[in-house]
Amino acid sequence: MLPTDMAEIKPTLTLLLLGVWAVVLLGSCYAKPDDKDDFVEQDPNGSPTYLKLAHYAVSTQTKGKKVYDTIVELEYVATKVREGNTTYEIDFDTAPSNCTI
């Protein structure tokens, strides 16, 4: 190759690489987000596991409190199973208990 040929190839190669990176980066922005459409609504009273998980979540929230909260009612439960792992979405009502922290 002549030196003049290399001068023409370098800008073309640079533009090609920039184009590939632009497609990769922009394509990742348009990927489908992991949203609630994958969750399946469950009966809140359908499994004792839901109540246990809610109690655990409430028991870990103690900052600035003098007594623990307790679960009054499970309002909504949904699950998503992906690659053998279950993710829970649980909405519940709480009230202060008599148990001091």
PDB file of N, CA and C in Angstrom:
ATOM      1  N   MET A   1       0.834  -1.182   0.000  1.00  0.00           N
ATOM      2  CA  MET A   1       0.000   0.000   0.000  1.00  0.00           C
ATOM      3  C   MET A   1       0.876   1.241   0.000  1.00  0.00           C
ATOM      4  N   LEU A   2       0.378   2.201  -0.630  1.00  0.00           N
ATOM      5  CA  LEU A   2       1.081   3.472  -0.670  1.00  0.00           C
ATOM      6  C   LEU A   2       0.693   4.304   0.549  1.00  0.00           C
ATOM      7  N   PRO A   3       1.551   5.195   0.991  1.00  0.00           N
ATOM      8  CA  PRO A   3       1.239   6.037   2.141  1.00  0.00           C
ATOM      9  C   PRO A   3      -0.042   6.842   1.950  1.00  0.00           C
ATOM     10  N   THR A   4      -0.357   7.203   0.732  1.00  0.00           N
ATOM     11  CA  THR A   4      -1.585   7.982   0.510  1.00  0.00           C
ATOM     12  C   THR A   4      -2.824   7.130   0.755  1.00  0.00           C
ATOM     13  N   ASP A   5      -2.738   5.824   0.493  1.00  0.00           N
ATOM     14  CA  ASP A   5      -3.879   4.933   0.725  1.00  0.00           C
ATOM     15  C   ASP A   5      -4.170   4.810   2.225  1.00  0.00           C
ATOM     16  N   MET A   6      -3.135   4.743   3.036  1.00  0.00           N
ATOM     17  CA  MET A   6      -3.302   4.629   4.484  1.00  0.00           C
ATOM     18  C   MET A   6      -3.962   5.877   5.051  1.00  0.00           C
ATOM     19  N   ALA A   7      -3.665   7.002   4.493  1.00  0.00           N
ATOM     20  CA  ALA A   7      -4.251   8.251   4.967  1.00  0.00           C
ATOM     21  C   ALA A   7      -5.760   8.250   4.763  1.00  0.00           C
ATOM     22  N   GLU A   8      -6.234   7.588   3.728  1.00  0.00           N
ATOM     23  CA  GLU A   8      -7.668   7.525   3.469  1.00  0.00           C
ATOM     24  C   GLU A   8      -8.348   6.472   4.344  1.00  0.00           C
ATOM     25  N   ILE A   9      -7.656   5.406   4.681  1.00  0.00           N
ATOM     26  CA  ILE A   9      -8.240   4.311   5.445  1.00  0.00           C
ATOM     27  C   ILE A   9      -8.393   4.676   6.919  1.00  0.00           C
ATOM     28  N   LYS A  10      -7.456   5.381   7.506  1.00  0.00           N
ATOM     29  CA  LYS A  10      -7.501   5.698   8.935  1.00  0.00           C
ATOM     30  C   LYS A  10      -8.764   6.466   9.327  1.00  0.00           C
ATOM     31  N   PRO A  11      -9.131   7.553   8.650  1.00  0.00           N
ATOM     32  CA  PRO A  11     -10.370   8.244   9.045  1.00  0.00           C
ATOM     33  C   PRO A  11     -11.607   7.365   8.851  1.00  0.00           C
ATOM     34  N   THR A  12     -11.603   6.555   7.804  1.00  0.00           N
ATOM     35  CA  THR A  12     -12.744   5.682   7.553  1.00  0.00           C
ATOM     36  C   THR A  12     -12.875   4.647   8.662  1.00  0.00           C
ATOM     37  N   LEU A  13     -11.764   4.065   9.069  1.00  0.00           N
ATOM     38  CA  LEU A  13     -11.775   3.079  10.146  1.00  0.00           C
ATOM     39  C   LEU A  13     -12.210   3.719  11.463  1.00  0.00           C
ATOM     40  N   THR A  14     -11.738   4.915  11.734  1.00  0.00           N
ATOM     41  CA  THR A  14     -12.121   5.626  12.953  1.00  0.00           C
ATOM     42  C   THR A  14     -13.618   5.891  12.965  1.00  0.00           C
ATOM     43  N   LEU A  15     -14.157   6.353  11.850  1.00  0.00           N
ATOM     44  CA  LEU A  15     -15.594   6.609  11.769  1.00  0.00           C
ATOM     45  C   LEU A  15     -16.397   5.316  11.922  1.00  0.00           C
ATOM     46  N   LEU A  16     -15.900   4.246  11.348  1.00  0.00           N
ATOM     47  CA  LEU A  16     -16.577   2.962  11.466  1.00  0.00           C
ATOM     48  C   LEU A  16     -16.614   2.499  12.926  1.00  0.00           C
ATOM     49  N   LEU A  17     -15.495   2.616  13.619  1.00  0.00           N
ATOM     50  CA  LEU A  17     -15.449   2.224  15.033  1.00  0.00           C
ATOM     51  C   LEU A  17     -16.352   3.105  15.893  1.00  0.00           C
ATOM     52  N   LEU A  18     -16.365   4.403  15.621  1.00  0.00           N
ATOM     53  CA  LEU A  18     -17.257   5.306  16.355  1.00  0.00           C
ATOM     54  C   LEU A  18     -18.717   4.936  16.108  1.00  0.00           C
ATOM     55  N   GLY A  19     -19.032   4.576  14.881  1.00  0.00           N
ATOM     56  CA  GLY A  19     -20.397   4.162  14.552  1.00  0.00           C
ATOM     57  C   GLY A  19     -20.807   2.906  15.296  1.00  0.00           C
ATOM     58  N   VAL A  20     -19.906   1.943  15.368  1.00  0.00           N
ATOM     59  CA  VAL A  20     -20.202   0.698  16.088  1.00  0.00           C
ATOM     60  C   VAL A  20     -20.437   0.988  17.564  1.00  0.00           C
ATOM     61  N   TRP A  21     -19.591   1.804  18.170  1.00  0.00           N
ATOM     62  CA  TRP A  21     -19.762   2.137  19.589  1.00  0.00           C
ATOM     63  C   TRP A  21     -21.055   2.905  19.826  1.00  0.00           C
ATOM     64  N   ALA A  22     -21.408   3.791  18.911  1.00  0.00           N
ATOM     65  CA  ALA A  22     -22.659   4.540  19.049  1.00  0.00           C
ATOM     66  C   ALA A  22     -23.853   3.592  19.031  1.00  0.00           C
ATOM     67  N   VAL A  23     -23.834   2.620  18.135  1.00  0.00           N
ATOM     68  CA  VAL A  23     -24.931   1.649  18.062  1.00  0.00           C
ATOM     69  C   VAL A  23     -24.998   0.824  19.343  1.00  0.00           C
ATOM     70  N   VAL A  24     -23.860   0.406  19.849  1.00  0.00           N
ATOM     71  CA  VAL A  24     -23.838  -0.395  21.080  1.00  0.00           C
ATOM     72  C   VAL A  24     -24.372   0.415  22.256  1.00  0.00           C
ATOM     73  N   LEU A  25     -23.898   1.639  22.405  1.00  0.00           N
ATOM     74  CA  LEU A  25     -24.320   2.458  23.538  1.00  0.00           C
ATOM     75  C   LEU A  25     -25.778   2.874  23.431  1.00  0.00           C
ATOM     76  N   LEU A  26     -26.211   3.288  22.264  1.00  0.00           N
ATOM     77  CA  LEU A  26     -27.604   3.690  22.098  1.00  0.00           C
ATOM     78  C   LEU A  26     -28.533   2.492  22.192  1.00  0.00           C
ATOM     79  N   GLY A  27     -28.094   1.368  21.697  1.00  0.00           N
ATOM     80  CA  GLY A  27     -28.907   0.159  21.776  1.00  0.00           C
ATOM     81  C   GLY A  27     -29.145  -0.277  23.204  1.00  0.00           C
ATOM     82  N   SER A  28     -28.163  -0.076  24.067  1.00  0.00           N
ATOM     83  CA  SER A  28     -28.337  -0.465  25.463  1.00  0.00           C
ATOM     84  C   SER A  28     -29.342   0.438  26.166  1.00  0.00           C
ATOM     85  N   CYS A  29     -29.514   1.661  25.698  1.00  0.00           N
ATOM     86  CA  CYS A  29     -30.494   2.572  26.284  1.00  0.00           C
ATOM     87  C   CYS A  29     -31.921   2.146  25.948  1.00  0.00           C
ATOM     88  N   TYR A  30     -32.093   1.446  24.866  1.00  0.00           N
ATOM     89  CA  TYR A  30     -33.423   1.044  24.440  1.00  0.00           C
ATOM     90  C   TYR A  30     -33.774  -0.375  24.851  1.00  0.00           C
ATOM     91  N   ALA A  31     -32.960  -0.994  25.661  1.00  0.00           N
ATOM     92  CA  ALA A  31     -33.251  -2.349  26.132  1.00  0.00           C
ATOM     93  C   ALA A  31     -34.488  -2.313  27.020  1.00  0.00           C
ATOM     94  N   LYS A  32     -35.268  -3.377  26.999  1.00  0.00           N
ATOM     95  CA  LYS A  32     -36.483  -3.439  27.802  1.00  0.00           C
ATOM     96  C   LYS A  32     -36.121  -3.445  29.286  1.00  0.00           C
ATOM     97  N   PRO A  33     -36.673  -2.513  30.054  1.00  0.00           N
ATOM     98  CA  PRO A  33     -36.378  -2.487  31.484  1.00  0.00           C
ATOM     99  C   PRO A  33     -37.058  -3.646  32.204  1.00  0.00           C
ATOM    100  N   ASP A  34     -36.502  -3.984  33.352  1.00  0.00           N
ATOM    101  CA  ASP A  34     -37.081  -5.022  34.195  1.00  0.00           C
ATOM    102  C   ASP A  34     -38.239  -4.378  34.961  1.00  0.00           C
ATOM    103  N   ASP A  35     -39.443  -4.477  34.416  1.00  0.00           N
ATOM    104  CA  ASP A  35     -40.568  -3.756  35.007  1.00  0.00           C
ATOM    105  C   ASP A  35     -41.582  -4.694  35.647  1.00  0.00           C
ATOM    106  N   LYS A  36     -42.675  -4.108  36.125  1.00  0.00           N
ATOM    107  CA  LYS A  36     -43.678  -4.850  36.872  1.00  0.00           C
ATOM    108  C   LYS A  36     -44.474  -5.812  36.001  1.00  0.00           C
ATOM    109  N   ASP A  37     -44.363  -5.714  34.689  1.00  0.00           N
ATOM    110  CA  ASP A  37     -45.123  -6.610  33.819  1.00  0.00           C
ATOM    111  C   ASP A  37     -44.753  -8.067  34.039  1.00  0.00           C
ATOM    112  N   ASP A  38     -43.584  -8.320  34.573  1.00  0.00           N
ATOM    113  CA  ASP A  38     -43.145  -9.690  34.807  1.00  0.00           C
ATOM    114  C   ASP A  38     -43.706 -10.262  36.108  1.00  0.00           C
ATOM    115  N   PHE A  39     -44.245  -9.408  36.979  1.00  0.00           N
ATOM    116  CA  PHE A  39     -44.778  -9.872  38.255  1.00  0.00           C
ATOM    117  C   PHE A  39     -46.161 -10.486  38.061  1.00  0.00           C
ATOM    118  N   VAL A  40     -46.433 -11.531  38.832  1.00  0.00           N
ATOM    119  CA  VAL A  40     -47.735 -12.196  38.807  1.00  0.00           C
ATOM    120  C   VAL A  40     -48.396 -11.963  40.161  1.00  0.00           C
ATOM    121  N   GLU A  41     -49.594 -11.370  40.145  1.00  0.00           N
ATOM    122  CA  GLU A  41     -50.293 -11.086  41.396  1.00  0.00           C
ATOM    123  C   GLU A  41     -50.698 -12.386  42.088  1.00  0.00           C
ATOM    124  N   GLN A  42     -50.548 -12.400  43.410  1.00  0.00           N
ATOM    125  CA  GLN A  42     -50.867 -13.573  44.222  1.00  0.00           C
ATOM    126  C   GLN A  42     -51.931 -13.203  45.257  1.00  0.00           C
ATOM    127  N   ASP A  43     -52.572 -14.209  45.825  1.00  0.00           N
ATOM    128  CA  ASP A  43     -53.497 -14.005  46.935  1.00  0.00           C
ATOM    129  C   ASP A  43     -52.659 -13.685  48.174  1.00  0.00           C
ATOM    130  N   PRO A  44     -52.869 -12.522  48.805  1.00  0.00           N
ATOM    131  CA  PRO A  44     -52.059 -12.164  49.978  1.00  0.00           C
ATOM    132  C   PRO A  44     -52.124 -13.191  51.109  1.00  0.00           C
ATOM    133  N   ASN A  45     -53.223 -13.930  51.197  1.00  0.00           N
ATOM    134  CA  ASN A  45     -53.361 -14.958  52.233  1.00  0.00           C
ATOM    135  C   ASN A  45     -53.015 -16.346  51.705  1.00  0.00           C
ATOM    136  N   GLY A  46     -52.437 -16.411  50.525  1.00  0.00           N
ATOM    137  CA  GLY A  46     -52.172 -17.685  49.875  1.00  0.00           C
ATOM    138  C   GLY A  46     -50.984 -18.457  50.416  1.00  0.00           C
ATOM    139  N   SER A  47     -50.082 -17.788  51.107  1.00  0.00           N
ATOM    140  CA  SER A  47     -48.902 -18.469  51.641  1.00  0.00           C
ATOM    141  C   SER A  47     -48.421 -17.748  52.897  1.00  0.00           C
ATOM    142  N   PRO A  48     -48.045 -18.488  53.930  1.00  0.00           N
ATOM    143  CA  PRO A  48     -47.501 -17.849  55.132  1.00  0.00           C
ATOM    144  C   PRO A  48     -46.159 -17.160  54.874  1.00  0.00           C
ATOM    145  N   THR A  49     -45.504 -17.508  53.780  1.00  0.00           N
ATOM    146  CA  THR A  49     -44.221 -16.881  53.437  1.00  0.00           C
ATOM    147  C   THR A  49     -44.378 -15.379  53.242  1.00  0.00           C
ATOM    148  N   TYR A  50     -45.486 -14.949  52.654  1.00  0.00           N
ATOM    149  CA  TYR A  50     -45.697 -13.523  52.400  1.00  0.00           C
ATOM    150  C   TYR A  50     -45.728 -12.738  53.708  1.00  0.00           C
ATOM    151  N   LEU A  51     -46.433 -13.255  54.693  1.00  0.00           N
ATOM    152  CA  LEU A  51     -46.516 -12.582  55.988  1.00  0.00           C
ATOM    153  C   LEU A  51     -45.163 -12.593  56.696  1.00  0.00           C
ATOM    154  N   LYS A  52     -44.437 -13.694  56.601  1.00  0.00           N
ATOM    155  CA  LYS A  52     -43.102 -13.770  57.211  1.00  0.00           C
ATOM    156  C   LYS A  52     -42.159 -12.739  56.600  1.00  0.00           C
ATOM    157  N   LEU A  53     -42.207 -12.603  55.276  1.00  0.00           N
ATOM    158  CA  LEU A  53     -41.349 -11.616  54.613  1.00  0.00           C
ATOM    159  C   LEU A  53     -41.721 -10.195  55.021  1.00  0.00           C
ATOM    160  N   ALA A  54     -43.003  -9.921  55.137  1.00  0.00           N
ATOM    161  CA  ALA A  54     -43.445  -8.588  55.558  1.00  0.00           C
ATOM    162  C   ALA A  54     -42.992  -8.300  56.985  1.00  0.00           C
ATOM    163  N   HIS A  55     -43.136  -9.282  57.883  1.00  0.00           N
ATOM    164  CA  HIS A  55     -42.677  -9.100  59.269  1.00  0.00           C
ATOM    165  C   HIS A  55     -41.171  -8.848  59.316  1.00  0.00           C
ATOM    166  N   TYR A  56     -40.428  -9.577  58.515  1.00  0.00           N
ATOM    167  CA  TYR A  56     -38.978  -9.362  58.483  1.00  0.00           C
ATOM    168  C   TYR A  56     -38.653  -7.943  58.008  1.00  0.00           C
ATOM    169  N   ALA A  57     -39.308  -7.506  56.935  1.00  0.00           N
ATOM    170  CA  ALA A  57     -39.042  -6.168  56.397  1.00  0.00           C
ATOM    171  C   ALA A  57     -39.337  -5.092  57.438  1.00  0.00           C
ATOM    172  N   VAL A  58     -40.439  -5.234  58.146  1.00  0.00           N
ATOM    173  CA  VAL A  58     -40.815  -4.245  59.160  1.00  0.00           C
ATOM    174  C   VAL A  58     -39.847  -4.284  60.339  1.00  0.00           C
ATOM    175  N   SER A  59     -39.391  -5.462  60.719  1.00  0.00           N
ATOM    176  CA  SER A  59     -38.503  -5.576  61.884  1.00  0.00           C
ATOM    177  C   SER A  59     -37.135  -4.950  61.640  1.00  0.00           C
ATOM    178  N   THR A  60     -36.753  -4.767  60.386  1.00  0.00           N
ATOM    179  CA  THR A  60     -35.450  -4.163  60.092  1.00  0.00           C
ATOM    180  C   THR A  60     -35.510  -2.638  60.054  1.00  0.00           C
ATOM    181  N   GLN A  61     -36.713  -2.075  60.079  1.00  0.00           N
ATOM    182  CA  GLN A  61     -36.880  -0.620  60.016  1.00  0.00           C
ATOM    183  C   GLN A  61     -37.069  -0.064  61.425  1.00  0.00           C
ATOM    184  N   THR A  62     -35.964   0.166  62.120  1.00  0.00           N
ATOM    185  CA  THR A  62     -36.048   0.599  63.519  1.00  0.00           C
ATOM    186  C   THR A  62     -35.468   1.986  63.771  1.00  0.00           C
ATOM    187  N   LYS A  63     -34.831   2.564  62.786  1.00  0.00           N
ATOM    188  CA  LYS A  63     -34.165   3.853  62.990  1.00  0.00           C
ATOM    189  C   LYS A  63     -35.181   4.927  63.404  1.00  0.00           C
ATOM    190  N   GLY A  64     -34.895   5.565  64.540  1.00  0.00           N
ATOM    191  CA  GLY A  64     -35.738   6.645  65.035  1.00  0.00           C
ATOM    192  C   GLY A  64     -37.021   6.179  65.713  1.00  0.00           C
ATOM    193  N   LYS A  65     -37.151   4.893  65.977  1.00  0.00           N
ATOM    194  CA  LYS A  65     -38.371   4.370  66.600  1.00  0.00           C
ATOM    195  C   LYS A  65     -38.064   3.843  67.996  1.00  0.00           C
ATOM    196  N   LYS A  66     -39.069   3.879  68.852  1.00  0.00           N
ATOM    197  CA  LYS A  66     -38.931   3.338  70.202  1.00  0.00           C
ATOM    198  C   LYS A  66     -39.596   1.973  70.330  1.00  0.00           C
ATOM    199  N   VAL A  67     -40.556   1.691  69.450  1.00  0.00           N
ATOM    200  CA  VAL A  67     -41.231   0.384  69.443  1.00  0.00           C
ATOM    201  C   VAL A  67     -41.234  -0.152  68.017  1.00  0.00           C
ATOM    202  N   TYR A  68     -41.305  -1.472  67.919  1.00  0.00           N
ATOM    203  CA  TYR A  68     -41.409  -2.108  66.604  1.00  0.00           C
ATOM    204  C   TYR A  68     -42.794  -1.864  66.017  1.00  0.00           C
ATOM    205  N   ASP A  69     -42.872  -1.881  64.706  1.00  0.00           N
ATOM    206  CA  ASP A  69     -44.169  -1.899  64.037  1.00  0.00           C
ATOM    207  C   ASP A  69     -44.566  -3.352  63.827  1.00  0.00           C
ATOM    208  N   THR A  70     -45.848  -3.568  63.622  1.00  0.00           N
ATOM    209  CA  THR A  70     -46.344  -4.905  63.319  1.00  0.00           C
ATOM    210  C   THR A  70     -47.221  -4.837  62.074  1.00  0.00           C
ATOM    211  N   ILE A  71     -47.381  -5.955  61.417  1.00  0.00           N
ATOM    212  CA  ILE A  71     -48.189  -6.018  60.206  1.00  0.00           C
ATOM    213  C   ILE A  71     -49.663  -6.099  60.596  1.00  0.00           C
ATOM    214  N   VAL A  72     -50.469  -5.209  60.039  1.00  0.00           N
ATOM    215  CA  VAL A  72     -51.907  -5.243  60.274  1.00  0.00           C
ATOM    216  C   VAL A  72     -52.586  -6.065  59.185  1.00  0.00           C
ATOM    217  N   GLU A  73     -52.195  -5.803  57.922  1.00  0.00           N
ATOM    218  CA  GLU A  73     -52.833  -6.502  56.809  1.00  0.00           C
ATOM    219  C   GLU A  73     -51.925  -6.498  55.588  1.00  0.00           C
ATOM    220  N   LEU A  74     -51.900  -7.612  54.889  1.00  0.00           N
ATOM    221  CA  LEU A  74     -51.220  -7.672  53.593  1.00  0.00           C
ATOM    222  C   LEU A  74     -52.202  -7.167  52.543  1.00  0.00           C
ATOM    223  N   GLU A  75     -51.824  -6.124  51.829  1.00  0.00           N
ATOM    224  CA  GLU A  75     -52.712  -5.529  50.831  1.00  0.00           C
ATOM    225  C   GLU A  75     -52.528  -6.148  49.448  1.00  0.00           C
ATOM    226  N   TYR A  76     -51.272  -6.375  49.063  1.00  0.00           N
ATOM    227  CA  TYR A  76     -50.972  -6.808  47.693  1.00  0.00           C
ATOM    228  C   TYR A  76     -49.705  -7.649  47.712  1.00  0.00           C
ATOM    229  N   VAL A  77     -49.719  -8.743  46.975  1.00  0.00           N
ATOM    230  CA  VAL A  77     -48.534  -9.590  46.841  1.00  0.00           C
ATOM    231  C   VAL A  77     -48.396  -9.980  45.377  1.00  0.00           C
ATOM    232  N   ALA A  78     -47.178  -9.863  44.861  1.00  0.00           N
ATOM    233  CA  ALA A  78     -46.877 -10.321  43.506  1.00  0.00           C
ATOM    234  C   ALA A  78     -45.508 -10.985  43.544  1.00  0.00           C
ATOM    235  N   THR A  79     -45.326 -11.955  42.666  1.00  0.00           N
ATOM    236  CA  THR A  79     -44.050 -12.665  42.601  1.00  0.00           C
ATOM    237  C   THR A  79     -43.541 -12.693  41.172  1.00  0.00           C
ATOM    238  N   LYS A  80     -42.228 -12.811  41.067  1.00  0.00           N
ATOM    239  CA  LYS A  80     -41.583 -12.966  39.763  1.00  0.00           C
ATOM    240  C   LYS A  80     -40.499 -14.013  39.937  1.00  0.00           C
ATOM    241  N   VAL A  81     -40.525 -15.031  39.094  1.00  0.00           N
ATOM    242  CA  VAL A  81     -39.507 -16.080  39.141  1.00  0.00           C
ATOM    243  C   VAL A  81     -38.633 -15.941  37.907  1.00  0.00           C
ATOM    244  N   ARG A  82     -37.336 -15.782  38.140  1.00  0.00           N
ATOM    245  CA  ARG A  82     -36.384 -15.664  37.044  1.00  0.00           C
ATOM    246  C   ARG A  82     -35.140 -16.444  37.417  1.00  0.00           C
ATOM    247  N   GLU A  83     -34.763 -17.369  36.561  1.00  0.00           N
ATOM    248  CA  GLU A  83     -33.572 -18.200  36.754  1.00  0.00           C
ATOM    249  C   GLU A  83     -33.587 -18.902  38.109  1.00  0.00           C
ATOM    250  N   GLY A  84     -34.770 -19.353  38.523  1.00  0.00           N
ATOM    251  CA  GLY A  84     -34.886 -20.090  39.774  1.00  0.00           C
ATOM    252  C   GLY A  84     -34.959 -19.227  41.020  1.00  0.00           C
ATOM    253  N   ASN A  85     -34.859 -17.914  40.882  1.00  0.00           N
ATOM    254  CA  ASN A  85     -34.931 -17.005  42.027  1.00  0.00           C
ATOM    255  C   ASN A  85     -36.285 -16.304  42.031  1.00  0.00           C
ATOM    256  N   THR A  86     -36.922 -16.247  43.190  1.00  0.00           N
ATOM    257  CA  THR A  86     -38.218 -15.591  43.315  1.00  0.00           C
ATOM    258  C   THR A  86     -38.032 -14.212  43.922  1.00  0.00           C
ATOM    259  N   THR A  87     -38.629 -13.218  43.284  1.00  0.00           N
ATOM    260  CA  THR A  87     -38.647 -11.853  43.788  1.00  0.00           C
ATOM    261  C   THR A  87     -40.073 -11.546  44.224  1.00  0.00           C
ATOM    262  N   TYR A  88     -40.210 -10.930  45.395  1.00  0.00           N
ATOM    263  CA  TYR A  88     -41.524 -10.625  45.945  1.00  0.00           C
ATOM    264  C   TYR A  88     -41.743  -9.124  45.943  1.00  0.00           C
ATOM    265  N   GLU A  89     -42.981  -8.734  45.654  1.00  0.00           N
ATOM    266  CA  GLU A  89     -43.408  -7.345  45.813  1.00  0.00           C
ATOM    267  C   GLU A  89     -44.600  -7.396  46.760  1.00  0.00           C
ATOM    268  N   ILE A  90     -44.448  -6.784  47.932  1.00  0.00           N
ATOM    269  CA  ILE A  90     -45.472  -6.904  48.971  1.00  0.00           C
ATOM    270  C   ILE A  90     -45.835  -5.517  49.483  1.00  0.00           C
ATOM    271  N   ASP A  91     -47.131  -5.205  49.471  1.00  0.00           N
ATOM    272  CA  ASP A  91     -47.649  -3.974  50.066  1.00  0.00           C
ATOM    273  C   ASP A  91     -48.452  -4.367  51.302  1.00  0.00           C
ATOM    274  N   PHE A  92     -48.236  -3.636  52.406  1.00  0.00           N
ATOM    275  CA  PHE A  92     -48.914  -4.001  53.649  1.00  0.00           C
ATOM    276  C   PHE A  92     -49.143  -2.767  54.495  1.00  0.00           C
ATOM    277  N   ASP A  93     -50.070  -2.900  55.454  1.00  0.00           N
ATOM    278  CA  ASP A  93     -50.349  -1.850  56.431  1.00  0.00           C
ATOM    279  C   ASP A  93     -49.684  -2.237  57.744  1.00  0.00           C
ATOM    280  N   THR A  94     -49.156  -1.227  58.444  1.00  0.00           N
ATOM    281  CA  THR A  94     -48.501  -1.473  59.731  1.00  0.00           C
ATOM    282  C   THR A  94     -49.118  -0.608  60.819  1.00  0.00           C
ATOM    283  N   ALA A  95     -48.824  -0.976  62.052  1.00  0.00           N
ATOM    284  CA  ALA A  95     -49.213  -0.195  63.224  1.00  0.00           C
ATOM    285  C   ALA A  95     -48.144  -0.422  64.284  1.00  0.00           C
ATOM    286  N   PRO A  96     -47.969   0.529  65.206  1.00  0.00           N
ATOM    287  CA  PRO A  96     -46.993   0.339  66.279  1.00  0.00           C
ATOM    288  C   PRO A  96     -47.410  -0.825  67.183  1.00  0.00           C
ATOM    289  N   SER A  97     -46.419  -1.574  67.637  1.00  0.00           N
ATOM    290  CA  SER A  97     -46.690  -2.686  68.562  1.00  0.00           C
ATOM    291  C   SER A  97     -46.354  -2.248  69.986  1.00  0.00           C
ATOM    292  N   ASN A  98     -46.457  -3.167  70.926  1.00  0.00           N
ATOM    293  CA  ASN A  98     -46.092  -2.898  72.321  1.00  0.00           C
ATOM    294  C   ASN A  98     -44.655  -3.301  72.615  1.00  0.00           C
ATOM    295  N   CYS A  99     -43.964  -3.847  71.641  1.00  0.00           N
ATOM    296  CA  CYS A  99     -42.604  -4.358  71.839  1.00  0.00           C
ATOM    297  C   CYS A  99     -41.583  -3.237  71.677  1.00  0.00           C
ATOM    298  N   THR A 100     -40.816  -2.979  72.731  1.00  0.00           N
ATOM    299  CA  THR A 100     -39.799  -1.935  72.652  1.00  0.00           C
ATOM    300  C   THR A 100     -38.561  -2.452  71.931  1.00  0.00           C
ATOM    301  N   ILE A 101     -37.866  -1.523  71.353  1.00  0.00           N
ATOM    302  CA  ILE A 101     -36.658  -1.872  70.592  1.00  0.00           C
ATOM    303  C   ILE A 101     -35.474  -1.920  71.532  1.00  0.00           C
TER     304      ILE A 101
END
